[in-house]
Protein backbone atom coordinates (compact mmCIF):
# COMPACT_ATOMS: atom_id res chain seq x y z
CA UNK A 1 21.65 0.10 16.51
CA UNK A 2 23.20 2.59 18.64
CA UNK A 3 26.18 0.41 19.16
CA UNK A 4 26.54 0.15 15.22
CA UNK A 5 26.68 3.96 15.06
CA UNK A 6 28.94 4.38 17.95
CA UNK A 7 31.47 2.04 16.23
CA UNK A 8 30.90 3.88 12.92
CA UNK A 9 32.06 7.25 14.39
CA UNK A 10 35.53 6.20 13.82
CA UNK A 11 35.00 7.19 10.30
CA UNK A 12 35.50 11.02 10.28
CA UNK A 13 32.73 11.26 7.35
CA UNK A 14 30.12 9.11 9.28
CA UNK A 15 27.01 11.54 10.53
CA UNK A 16 24.28 9.81 12.27
CA UNK A 17 22.11 11.32 15.22
CA UNK A 18 19.10 10.35 17.21
CA UNK A 19 16.32 12.66 17.34
CA UNK A 20 15.55 12.95 20.99
CA UNK A 21 12.66 14.82 22.79
CA UNK A 22 14.05 17.57 25.08
CA UNK A 23 11.53 16.90 27.81
CA UNK A 24 11.94 13.21 28.15
CA UNK A 25 15.46 12.44 26.83
CA UNK A 26 13.63 9.92 24.61
CA UNK A 27 14.83 9.02 21.14
CA UNK A 28 11.81 9.44 18.70
CA UNK A 29 13.63 9.29 15.34
CA UNK A 30 17.04 9.71 13.48
CA UNK A 31 18.60 12.09 11.07
CA UNK A 32 21.90 11.43 9.01
CA UNK A 33 23.92 11.81 5.99
CA UNK A 34 22.77 8.98 3.69
CA UNK A 35 25.12 10.03 0.87
CA UNK A 36 28.16 12.28 0.75
CA UNK A 37 30.09 13.46 -2.35
CA UNK A 38 33.38 15.00 -1.39
CA UNK A 39 34.21 16.27 -4.98
CA UNK A 40 30.92 18.39 -4.98
CA UNK A 41 31.38 19.17 -1.36
CA UNK A 42 27.76 17.82 -1.12
CA UNK A 43 25.95 15.92 1.74
CA UNK A 44 22.55 14.35 1.39
CA UNK A 45 20.52 14.25 4.46
CA UNK A 46 17.76 11.77 5.35
CA UNK A 47 15.34 11.61 8.43
CA UNK A 48 12.46 9.80 10.09
CA UNK A 49 10.47 10.33 12.99
CA UNK A 50 7.83 8.48 14.88
CA UNK A 51 4.34 9.20 13.89
CA UNK A 52 3.08 10.35 17.20
CA UNK A 53 5.60 13.29 16.78
CA UNK A 54 4.70 14.50 13.23
CA UNK A 55 3.48 18.20 12.82
CA UNK A 56 5.34 19.45 15.82
CA UNK A 57 8.40 21.21 14.32
CA UNK A 58 10.83 18.64 15.62
CA UNK A 59 12.16 17.25 12.54
CA UNK A 60 12.43 20.85 11.00
CA UNK A 61 14.40 21.98 14.44
CA UNK A 62 16.68 18.91 13.74
CA UNK A 63 17.13 19.65 10.04
CA UNK A 64 18.01 23.41 10.61
CA UNK A 65 20.67 22.47 13.16
CA UNK A 66 22.26 19.94 10.80
CA UNK A 67 22.24 22.73 7.94
CA UNK A 68 23.90 25.02 10.26
CA UNK A 69 26.46 22.28 11.31
CA UNK A 70 27.23 21.34 7.83
CA UNK A 71 27.64 24.98 6.60
CA UNK A 72 29.59 26.32 9.40
CA UNK A 73 31.54 23.45 10.65
CA UNK A 74 32.11 20.79 7.87
CA UNK A 75 32.04 23.69 5.31
CA UNK A 76 29.95 21.78 2.67
CA UNK A 77 28.69 23.70 -0.36
CA UNK A 78 25.32 21.89 -1.01
CA UNK A 79 23.03 19.90 1.10
CA UNK A 80 20.05 18.01 -0.47
CA UNK A 81 17.40 15.77 0.60
CA UNK A 82 14.53 13.83 -1.14
CA UNK A 83 11.12 12.38 -0.41
CA UNK A 84 8.50 10.11 -1.67
CA UNK A 85 5.66 12.50 -3.51
CA UNK A 86 3.23 10.33 -1.29
CA UNK A 87 4.65 11.86 1.79
CA UNK A 88 4.54 15.78 1.06
CA UNK A 89 4.99 16.56 4.84
CA UNK A 90 8.45 15.48 4.50
CA UNK A 91 8.83 18.14 1.65
CA UNK A 92 7.26 20.75 3.89
CA UNK A 93 10.00 20.21 6.29
CA UNK A 94 12.63 20.70 3.65
CA UNK A 95 10.87 23.99 2.42
CA UNK A 96 10.55 25.20 5.82
CA UNK A 97 14.31 24.84 6.32
CA UNK A 98 15.27 26.78 3.22
CA UNK A 99 15.63 23.93 0.83
CA UNK A 100 14.29 24.42 -2.82
CA UNK A 101 12.39 22.05 -4.87
CA UNK A 102 14.61 21.00 -7.90
CA UNK A 103 12.60 18.19 -9.65
CA UNK A 104 11.20 14.88 -9.33
CA UNK A 105 12.79 11.78 -10.45
CA UNK A 106 10.60 8.88 -11.71
CA UNK A 107 11.17 5.57 -10.17
CA UNK A 108 14.30 6.40 -8.65
CA UNK A 109 14.17 4.77 -5.21
CA UNK A 110 12.69 2.01 -3.12
CA UNK A 111 10.86 2.03 0.09
CA UNK A 112 8.47 -0.14 2.01
CA UNK A 113 5.96 0.81 -0.72
CA UNK A 114 8.07 -0.57 -3.57
CA UNK A 115 9.66 1.42 -6.24
CA UNK A 116 8.92 5.11 -5.99
CA UNK A 117 9.44 8.63 -7.44
CA UNK A 118 11.52 11.08 -5.41
CA UNK A 119 11.26 14.83 -5.21
CA UNK A 120 14.58 16.48 -4.56
CA UNK A 121 15.33 19.57 -2.69
CA UNK A 122 18.75 21.33 -2.03
CA UNK A 123 20.30 24.40 -0.59
CA UNK A 124 23.69 26.12 -1.32
CA UNK A 125 25.80 27.68 1.15
CA UNK A 126 25.55 31.08 -0.78
CA UNK A 127 21.54 30.53 -0.53
CA UNK A 128 21.75 29.80 3.34
CA UNK A 129 24.32 32.64 3.88
CA UNK A 130 22.00 35.16 2.16
CA UNK A 131 18.91 34.06 4.20
CA UNK A 132 20.25 32.86 7.41
CA UNK A 133 19.44 35.02 10.52
CA UNK A 134 22.28 37.01 11.67
């Protein structure tokens, strides 16, 4: 998988990272841009992390770093993410990182449970600048 990621970095709009434990240098998840709309200056972020590392703030730390990166380095205007309503903890990560709930789309995605609803969250650069720590 990492070999595929490395080859894809030839594309300047490819953004994929492993989430790695600082203490062990062990990959425990991933976070990436799953959709990008250059006309809107928007990226859609997706992430997953192994269950043993849930509820430790690791995914929030990774998402916060990406938010800063995309607003400061890539200069996007909007960052969005979504989660299955059956996984509210993923939505808590989004809220903790400053994304706002924008609505639920019914039967809008497919995951390992089948066709599911999606709860959408987003943050604009202007929101982030207003609330980002100095």
